[in-house]
N, C-alpha and C. Protein backbone atom coordinates (compact mmCIF):
# COMPACT_ATOMS: atom_id res chain seq x y z
N UNK A 1 97.40 104.66 101.83
CA UNK A 1 97.61 104.61 100.39
C UNK A 1 97.18 103.22 99.91
N UNK A 2 96.43 103.20 98.83
CA UNK A 2 95.92 101.94 98.31
C UNK A 2 97.05 101.12 97.68
N UNK A 3 97.00 99.81 97.91
CA UNK A 3 97.98 98.90 97.33
C UNK A 3 97.31 98.06 96.25
N UNK A 4 98.02 97.85 95.15
CA UNK A 4 97.59 96.97 94.09
C UNK A 4 98.66 95.90 93.90
N UNK A 5 98.26 94.77 93.34
CA UNK A 5 99.22 93.73 93.01
C UNK A 5 99.54 92.81 94.17
N UNK A 6 100.72 92.24 94.11
CA UNK A 6 101.16 91.24 95.09
C UNK A 6 101.27 91.81 96.49
N UNK A 7 100.96 90.98 97.49
CA UNK A 7 101.15 91.43 98.87
C UNK A 7 102.64 91.51 99.21
N UNK A 8 102.93 92.16 100.31
CA UNK A 8 104.31 92.27 100.78
C UNK A 8 104.81 90.87 101.13
N UNK A 9 106.01 90.55 100.70
CA UNK A 9 106.66 89.29 101.07
C UNK A 9 107.56 89.59 102.26
N UNK A 10 107.23 89.08 103.45
CA UNK A 10 108.00 89.41 104.65
C UNK A 10 109.45 88.94 104.59
N UNK A 11 109.78 88.06 103.64
CA UNK A 11 111.17 87.58 103.51
C UNK A 11 112.03 88.53 102.70
N UNK A 12 111.40 89.51 102.04
CA UNK A 12 112.14 90.43 101.18
C UNK A 12 112.36 91.77 101.86
N UNK A 13 113.44 92.41 101.48
CA UNK A 13 113.70 93.79 101.89
C UNK A 13 113.40 94.66 100.66
N UNK A 14 112.52 95.62 100.82
CA UNK A 14 112.08 96.46 99.70
C UNK A 14 112.71 97.85 99.78
N UNK A 15 113.03 98.38 98.62
CA UNK A 15 113.55 99.75 98.53
C UNK A 15 112.45 100.63 97.95
N UNK A 16 112.22 101.79 98.56
CA UNK A 16 111.22 102.72 98.03
C UNK A 16 111.66 103.23 96.67
N UNK A 17 110.73 103.22 95.74
CA UNK A 17 111.00 103.72 94.39
C UNK A 17 109.81 104.58 93.98
N UNK A 18 110.03 105.89 93.90
CA UNK A 18 108.97 106.83 93.52
C UNK A 18 108.89 106.92 92.00
N UNK A 19 107.66 107.01 91.49
CA UNK A 19 107.47 107.11 90.05
C UNK A 19 106.29 108.00 89.72
N UNK A 20 106.23 108.45 88.47
CA UNK A 20 105.14 109.28 87.97
C UNK A 20 104.68 108.71 86.63
N UNK A 21 103.35 108.60 86.47
CA UNK A 21 102.76 107.94 85.32
C UNK A 21 101.63 108.79 84.75
N UNK A 22 101.38 108.64 83.44
CA UNK A 22 100.42 109.51 82.76
C UNK A 22 99.31 108.71 82.09
N UNK A 23 98.07 109.14 82.35
CA UNK A 23 96.92 108.71 81.55
C UNK A 23 96.78 109.80 80.49
N UNK A 24 97.30 109.54 79.29
CA UNK A 24 97.36 110.53 78.21
C UNK A 24 96.15 110.31 77.31
N UNK A 25 95.19 111.20 77.43
CA UNK A 25 93.90 111.01 76.76
C UNK A 25 93.72 111.99 75.60
N UNK A 26 93.21 111.46 74.50
CA UNK A 26 92.80 112.27 73.36
C UNK A 26 91.48 111.68 72.87
N UNK A 27 90.39 112.38 73.14
CA UNK A 27 89.07 111.86 72.80
C UNK A 27 88.78 110.60 73.58
N UNK A 28 88.43 109.54 72.87
CA UNK A 28 88.10 108.26 73.51
C UNK A 28 89.28 107.30 73.53
N UNK A 29 90.49 107.79 73.25
CA UNK A 29 91.68 106.93 73.25
C UNK A 29 92.70 107.43 74.26
N UNK A 30 93.56 106.50 74.66
CA UNK A 30 94.71 106.88 75.49
C UNK A 30 95.97 106.30 74.87
N UNK A 31 97.08 106.95 75.18
CA UNK A 31 98.39 106.54 74.69
C UNK A 31 99.06 105.67 75.74
N UNK A 32 99.44 104.47 75.33
CA UNK A 32 100.12 103.52 76.22
C UNK A 32 101.50 103.22 75.67
N UNK A 33 102.31 102.58 76.48
CA UNK A 33 103.58 102.07 76.01
C UNK A 33 103.53 100.55 76.09
N UNK A 34 103.93 99.92 75.00
CA UNK A 34 104.06 98.47 75.00
C UNK A 34 105.53 98.15 75.23
N UNK A 35 105.79 97.43 76.31
CA UNK A 35 107.16 97.08 76.68
C UNK A 35 107.44 95.66 76.21
N UNK A 36 108.53 95.50 75.46
CA UNK A 36 108.89 94.19 74.92
C UNK A 36 109.10 93.20 76.05
N UNK A 37 108.71 91.98 75.81
CA UNK A 37 108.87 90.91 76.78
C UNK A 37 108.12 89.70 76.29
N UNK A 38 108.10 88.68 77.10
CA UNK A 38 107.38 87.46 76.76
C UNK A 38 106.44 87.10 77.89
N UNK A 39 105.19 87.58 77.84
CA UNK A 39 104.57 88.36 76.77
C UNK A 39 104.88 89.85 76.92
N UNK A 40 104.63 90.65 75.85
CA UNK A 40 104.78 92.10 75.98
C UNK A 40 103.77 92.65 76.98
N UNK A 41 104.09 93.78 77.60
CA UNK A 41 103.21 94.39 78.59
C UNK A 41 102.77 95.76 78.13
N UNK A 42 101.48 96.05 78.30
CA UNK A 42 100.96 97.40 78.07
C UNK A 42 100.92 98.12 79.41
N UNK A 43 101.48 99.33 79.43
CA UNK A 43 101.58 100.10 80.66
C UNK A 43 101.27 101.57 80.38
N UNK A 44 100.90 102.29 81.45
CA UNK A 44 100.85 103.74 81.34
C UNK A 44 102.28 104.23 81.16
N UNK A 45 102.51 105.21 80.29
CA UNK A 45 103.85 105.77 80.17
C UNK A 45 104.26 106.44 81.48
N UNK A 46 105.52 106.30 81.81
CA UNK A 46 106.04 106.91 83.03
C UNK A 46 107.12 106.05 83.61
N UNK A 47 107.60 106.45 84.79
CA UNK A 47 108.66 105.68 85.42
C UNK A 47 109.24 106.39 86.61
N UNK A 48 110.43 105.95 86.97
CA UNK A 48 111.08 106.40 88.19
C UNK A 48 111.45 107.87 88.19
N UNK A 49 111.36 108.45 89.38
CA UNK A 49 111.76 109.84 89.60
C UNK A 49 113.22 109.82 90.04
N UNK A 50 114.08 110.44 89.26
CA UNK A 50 115.51 110.47 89.56
C UNK A 50 115.81 111.44 90.71
N UNK A 51 116.93 111.24 91.41
CA UNK A 51 117.30 112.17 92.49
C UNK A 51 117.35 113.62 91.98
N UNK A 52 116.74 114.53 92.73
CA UNK A 52 116.72 115.94 92.36
C UNK A 52 115.67 116.30 91.32
N UNK A 53 114.87 115.34 90.90
CA UNK A 53 113.87 115.54 89.86
C UNK A 53 112.48 115.48 90.50
N UNK A 54 111.59 116.37 90.11
CA UNK A 54 110.22 116.33 90.59
C UNK A 54 109.38 115.35 89.79
N UNK A 55 108.18 115.06 90.29
CA UNK A 55 107.30 114.09 89.64
C UNK A 55 106.92 114.52 88.22
N UNK A 56 106.56 115.79 88.03
CA UNK A 56 106.14 116.23 86.70
C UNK A 56 107.29 116.19 85.70
N UNK A 57 108.46 116.61 86.13
CA UNK A 57 109.62 116.57 85.23
C UNK A 57 109.94 115.12 84.83
N UNK A 58 109.88 114.23 85.82
CA UNK A 58 110.14 112.81 85.53
C UNK A 58 109.12 112.25 84.55
N UNK A 59 107.86 112.62 84.75
CA UNK A 59 106.80 112.12 83.88
C UNK A 59 106.99 112.63 82.45
N UNK A 60 107.33 113.90 82.29
CA UNK A 60 107.61 114.44 80.95
C UNK A 60 108.74 113.64 80.29
N UNK A 61 109.82 113.45 81.02
CA UNK A 61 110.99 112.74 80.48
C UNK A 61 110.64 111.30 80.10
N UNK A 62 109.99 110.60 81.02
CA UNK A 62 109.66 109.19 80.78
C UNK A 62 108.69 109.02 79.62
N UNK A 63 107.68 109.89 79.52
CA UNK A 63 106.72 109.79 78.42
C UNK A 63 107.40 109.99 77.07
N UNK A 64 108.30 110.95 77.00
CA UNK A 64 109.04 111.18 75.76
C UNK A 64 109.92 109.98 75.42
N UNK A 65 110.61 109.43 76.42
CA UNK A 65 111.48 108.27 76.19
C UNK A 65 110.69 107.04 75.75
N UNK A 66 109.53 106.82 76.35
CA UNK A 66 108.79 105.58 76.11
C UNK A 66 107.80 105.64 74.96
N UNK A 67 107.37 106.86 74.57
CA UNK A 67 106.36 106.98 73.51
C UNK A 67 106.77 107.89 72.35
N UNK A 68 107.71 108.80 72.58
CA UNK A 68 108.06 109.79 71.57
C UNK A 68 107.15 111.02 71.59
N UNK A 69 106.20 111.06 72.52
CA UNK A 69 105.24 112.16 72.62
C UNK A 69 105.57 113.05 73.81
N UNK A 70 105.29 114.35 73.65
CA UNK A 70 105.30 115.26 74.79
C UNK A 70 103.91 115.24 75.40
N UNK A 71 103.79 115.79 76.61
CA UNK A 71 102.51 115.75 77.31
C UNK A 71 102.17 117.12 77.88
N UNK A 72 100.88 117.29 78.16
CA UNK A 72 100.36 118.48 78.83
C UNK A 72 99.55 118.01 80.04
N UNK A 73 100.16 118.02 81.22
CA UNK A 73 99.43 117.57 82.41
C UNK A 73 98.22 118.45 82.70
N UNK A 74 97.12 117.80 83.11
CA UNK A 74 95.89 118.50 83.47
C UNK A 74 95.71 118.51 84.97
N UNK A 75 95.81 117.33 85.59
CA UNK A 75 95.63 117.25 87.04
C UNK A 75 96.17 115.93 87.56
N UNK A 76 96.47 115.95 88.85
CA UNK A 76 96.91 114.73 89.54
C UNK A 76 95.67 113.89 89.82
N UNK A 77 95.74 112.60 89.51
CA UNK A 77 94.62 111.69 89.76
C UNK A 77 94.73 111.00 91.11
N UNK A 78 95.95 110.71 91.54
CA UNK A 78 96.13 110.02 92.81
C UNK A 78 97.45 109.29 92.87
N UNK A 79 97.55 108.43 93.88
CA UNK A 79 98.79 107.69 94.11
C UNK A 79 98.43 106.29 94.59
N UNK A 80 99.24 105.33 94.23
CA UNK A 80 99.07 103.97 94.74
C UNK A 80 100.45 103.36 94.94
N UNK A 81 100.47 102.24 95.64
CA UNK A 81 101.72 101.53 95.83
C UNK A 81 101.58 100.09 95.36
N UNK A 82 102.70 99.53 94.95
CA UNK A 82 102.74 98.11 94.62
C UNK A 82 104.13 97.59 94.94
N UNK A 83 104.19 96.33 95.31
CA UNK A 83 105.44 95.68 95.66
C UNK A 83 105.81 94.76 94.51
N UNK A 84 107.02 94.92 93.98
CA UNK A 84 107.39 94.17 92.79
C UNK A 84 108.90 93.97 92.73
N UNK A 85 109.27 92.91 92.04
CA UNK A 85 110.68 92.69 91.71
C UNK A 85 110.95 93.38 90.38
N UNK A 86 112.03 94.15 90.32
CA UNK A 86 112.41 94.85 89.10
C UNK A 86 113.68 94.20 88.56
N UNK A 87 113.54 93.23 87.62
CA UNK A 87 114.72 92.48 87.17
C UNK A 87 115.78 93.34 86.50
N UNK A 88 115.36 94.45 85.85
CA UNK A 88 116.35 95.31 85.18
C UNK A 88 117.30 95.97 86.16
N UNK A 89 116.90 96.05 87.44
CA UNK A 89 117.74 96.63 88.49
C UNK A 89 118.14 95.60 89.55
N UNK A 90 117.67 94.35 89.40
CA UNK A 90 117.86 93.30 90.41
C UNK A 90 117.46 93.85 91.78
N UNK A 91 116.22 94.35 91.85
CA UNK A 91 115.76 95.10 93.02
C UNK A 91 114.33 94.73 93.38
N UNK A 92 114.08 94.49 94.67
CA UNK A 92 112.72 94.38 95.19
C UNK A 92 112.31 95.78 95.60
N UNK A 93 111.20 96.26 95.06
CA UNK A 93 110.82 97.66 95.27
C UNK A 93 109.40 97.80 95.81
N UNK A 94 109.26 98.80 96.67
CA UNK A 94 107.94 99.32 97.04
C UNK A 94 107.76 100.53 96.12
N UNK A 95 107.01 100.32 95.05
CA UNK A 95 106.82 101.37 94.06
C UNK A 95 105.67 102.27 94.50
N UNK A 96 105.94 103.55 94.64
CA UNK A 96 104.93 104.55 94.97
C UNK A 96 104.68 105.32 93.67
N UNK A 97 103.49 105.11 93.10
CA UNK A 97 103.18 105.56 91.75
C UNK A 97 102.20 106.74 91.77
N UNK A 98 102.67 107.91 91.37
CA UNK A 98 101.84 109.11 91.26
C UNK A 98 101.28 109.13 89.83
N UNK A 99 99.96 109.29 89.71
CA UNK A 99 99.30 109.19 88.41
C UNK A 99 98.64 110.53 88.07
N UNK A 100 98.84 110.98 86.82
CA UNK A 100 98.32 112.26 86.35
C UNK A 100 97.51 112.07 85.08
N UNK A 101 96.48 112.88 84.93
CA UNK A 101 95.73 112.96 83.69
C UNK A 101 96.43 113.98 82.80
N UNK A 102 96.65 113.62 81.55
CA UNK A 102 97.37 114.50 80.62
C UNK A 102 96.69 114.50 79.25
N UNK A 103 97.00 115.50 78.48
CA UNK A 103 96.68 115.53 77.06
C UNK A 103 98.00 115.37 76.31
N UNK A 104 97.95 114.84 75.08
CA UNK A 104 99.20 114.75 74.33
C UNK A 104 99.62 116.12 73.82
N UNK A 105 100.92 116.34 73.78
CA UNK A 105 101.49 117.49 73.12
C UNK A 105 102.01 117.03 71.76
N UNK A 106 102.93 117.77 71.17
CA UNK A 106 103.49 117.35 69.88
C UNK A 106 104.27 116.04 70.00
N UNK A 107 104.20 115.27 68.93
CA UNK A 107 105.00 114.04 68.84
C UNK A 107 106.38 114.42 68.33
N UNK A 108 107.41 113.89 68.97
CA UNK A 108 108.79 114.19 68.57
C UNK A 108 109.43 113.08 67.76
N UNK A 109 108.74 111.96 67.60
CA UNK A 109 109.30 110.84 66.85
C UNK A 109 109.02 109.54 67.56
N UNK A 110 109.73 108.49 67.17
CA UNK A 110 109.52 107.19 67.81
C UNK A 110 110.07 107.20 69.24
N UNK A 111 109.69 106.20 70.04
CA UNK A 111 110.23 106.12 71.40
C UNK A 111 111.76 106.09 71.38
N UNK A 112 112.36 106.74 72.35
CA UNK A 112 113.82 106.80 72.46
C UNK A 112 114.37 105.61 73.23
N UNK A 113 113.51 104.99 74.03
CA UNK A 113 113.95 103.88 74.87
C UNK A 113 113.73 102.57 74.13
N UNK A 114 114.79 101.77 74.03
CA UNK A 114 114.70 100.48 73.34
C UNK A 114 113.66 99.60 74.02
N UNK A 115 112.97 98.81 73.21
CA UNK A 115 112.00 97.87 73.74
C UNK A 115 110.65 98.46 74.07
N UNK A 116 110.39 99.71 73.65
CA UNK A 116 109.10 100.34 73.88
C UNK A 116 108.46 100.72 72.54
N UNK A 117 107.13 100.65 72.52
CA UNK A 117 106.37 101.04 71.33
C UNK A 117 105.15 101.81 71.80
N UNK A 118 104.87 102.95 71.17
CA UNK A 118 103.70 103.76 71.50
C UNK A 118 102.46 103.11 70.88
N UNK A 119 101.39 103.01 71.69
CA UNK A 119 100.15 102.37 71.24
C UNK A 119 98.97 103.24 71.65
N UNK A 120 98.18 103.69 70.66
CA UNK A 120 96.91 104.36 70.95
C UNK A 120 95.83 103.29 71.01
N UNK A 121 94.98 103.37 72.04
CA UNK A 121 93.96 102.35 72.25
C UNK A 121 92.70 103.00 72.81
N UNK A 122 91.51 102.50 72.41
CA UNK A 122 90.30 103.01 73.05
C UNK A 122 90.41 102.85 74.57
N UNK A 123 90.03 103.89 75.30
CA UNK A 123 90.24 103.90 76.74
C UNK A 123 89.52 102.74 77.43
N UNK A 124 88.34 102.40 76.98
CA UNK A 124 87.61 101.28 77.61
C UNK A 124 88.35 99.96 77.40
N UNK A 125 88.97 99.76 76.25
CA UNK A 125 89.75 98.55 75.99
C UNK A 125 91.01 98.53 76.85
N UNK A 126 91.59 99.70 77.05
CA UNK A 126 92.84 99.79 77.82
C UNK A 126 92.64 99.35 79.27
N UNK A 127 91.47 99.61 79.83
CA UNK A 127 91.22 99.24 81.23
C UNK A 127 91.53 97.77 81.45
N UNK A 128 91.10 96.90 80.55
CA UNK A 128 91.34 95.47 80.69
C UNK A 128 92.65 94.99 80.13
N UNK A 129 93.30 95.80 79.29
CA UNK A 129 94.53 95.37 78.63
C UNK A 129 95.80 95.74 79.40
N UNK A 130 95.71 96.71 80.30
CA UNK A 130 96.90 97.15 81.03
C UNK A 130 97.42 96.04 81.93
N UNK A 131 98.74 95.94 82.04
CA UNK A 131 99.39 94.88 82.79
C UNK A 131 99.45 95.13 84.29
N UNK A 132 99.28 96.39 84.71
CA UNK A 132 99.40 96.76 86.12
C UNK A 132 98.02 97.17 86.64
N UNK A 133 97.57 96.52 87.72
CA UNK A 133 96.24 96.78 88.27
C UNK A 133 96.02 98.24 88.64
N UNK A 134 97.02 98.90 89.20
CA UNK A 134 96.89 100.31 89.57
C UNK A 134 96.68 101.19 88.35
N UNK A 135 97.38 100.88 87.25
CA UNK A 135 97.18 101.61 85.99
C UNK A 135 95.73 101.44 85.51
N UNK A 136 95.22 100.21 85.58
CA UNK A 136 93.84 99.94 85.17
C UNK A 136 92.84 100.72 86.02
N UNK A 137 93.08 100.77 87.33
CA UNK A 137 92.18 101.48 88.24
C UNK A 137 92.03 102.94 87.85
N UNK A 138 93.14 103.65 87.67
CA UNK A 138 93.06 105.07 87.35
C UNK A 138 92.54 105.30 85.93
N UNK A 139 92.85 104.41 85.01
CA UNK A 139 92.31 104.52 83.65
C UNK A 139 90.80 104.34 83.66
N UNK A 140 90.30 103.41 84.47
CA UNK A 140 88.85 103.20 84.59
C UNK A 140 88.17 104.45 85.15
N UNK A 141 88.78 105.09 86.16
CA UNK A 141 88.19 106.31 86.72
C UNK A 141 88.03 107.38 85.65
N UNK A 142 89.03 107.52 84.78
CA UNK A 142 88.96 108.50 83.70
C UNK A 142 87.91 108.08 82.68
N UNK A 143 87.90 106.81 82.29
CA UNK A 143 86.95 106.32 81.28
C UNK A 143 85.51 106.51 81.72
N UNK A 144 85.26 106.35 83.01
CA UNK A 144 83.90 106.46 83.53
C UNK A 144 83.53 107.88 83.95
N UNK A 145 84.43 108.83 83.72
CA UNK A 145 84.14 110.22 84.04
C UNK A 145 84.07 110.51 85.52
N UNK A 146 84.79 109.72 86.32
CA UNK A 146 84.73 109.86 87.78
C UNK A 146 85.77 110.84 88.33
N UNK A 147 86.51 111.51 87.45
CA UNK A 147 87.49 112.51 87.89
C UNK A 147 87.25 113.80 87.11
N UNK A 148 87.41 114.92 87.78
CA UNK A 148 87.25 116.23 87.13
C UNK A 148 88.28 116.36 86.01
N UNK A 149 87.82 116.84 84.87
CA UNK A 149 88.72 117.04 83.73
C UNK A 149 88.92 115.80 82.90
N UNK A 150 88.39 114.66 83.38
CA UNK A 150 88.60 113.40 82.67
C UNK A 150 87.57 113.13 81.60
N UNK A 151 86.44 113.82 81.70
CA UNK A 151 85.38 113.59 80.72
C UNK A 151 84.67 112.30 81.01
N UNK A 152 84.76 111.37 80.16
CA UNK A 152 84.07 110.09 80.22
C UNK A 152 83.93 109.62 78.80
N UNK A 153 83.51 108.42 78.61
CA UNK A 153 83.36 107.89 77.27
C UNK A 153 81.89 107.64 77.02
N UNK A 154 81.38 108.21 75.93
CA UNK A 154 79.97 108.02 75.59
C UNK A 154 79.72 106.56 75.24
N UNK A 155 78.62 106.03 75.74
CA UNK A 155 78.25 104.64 75.43
C UNK A 155 77.54 104.56 74.09
């Protein structure tokens, strides 16, 4: 499995944390979540898979919480791992991130999760703006038409 981001710190003990994330595409734009912080971070919508919850169910829930939009999954794009400290949980995690290509469904309103804002952005701009390297990698694959069902962006 490909790793993005910081290398493993041998002094840390990591807990596995499974997650599901969405590249939500509509035409030449994708829907991102901007997470409040200093500086704010742009990320693919998604997050942790709760006990007893499957990846798709988690992704639906997380996208609605973080963007206010429902989604229509098209296909699984792949999986990557990254090692990170999660201050909101005071946890060092080995994050295993499952990424899916989706279309937007109906919007249900503003994000339900505090500190998040839904942002539509041209997909080519998003590749460089995303805060997580793994998110950028899968977004680039979709932007360049390197995945079935992803299309591509006309130059």
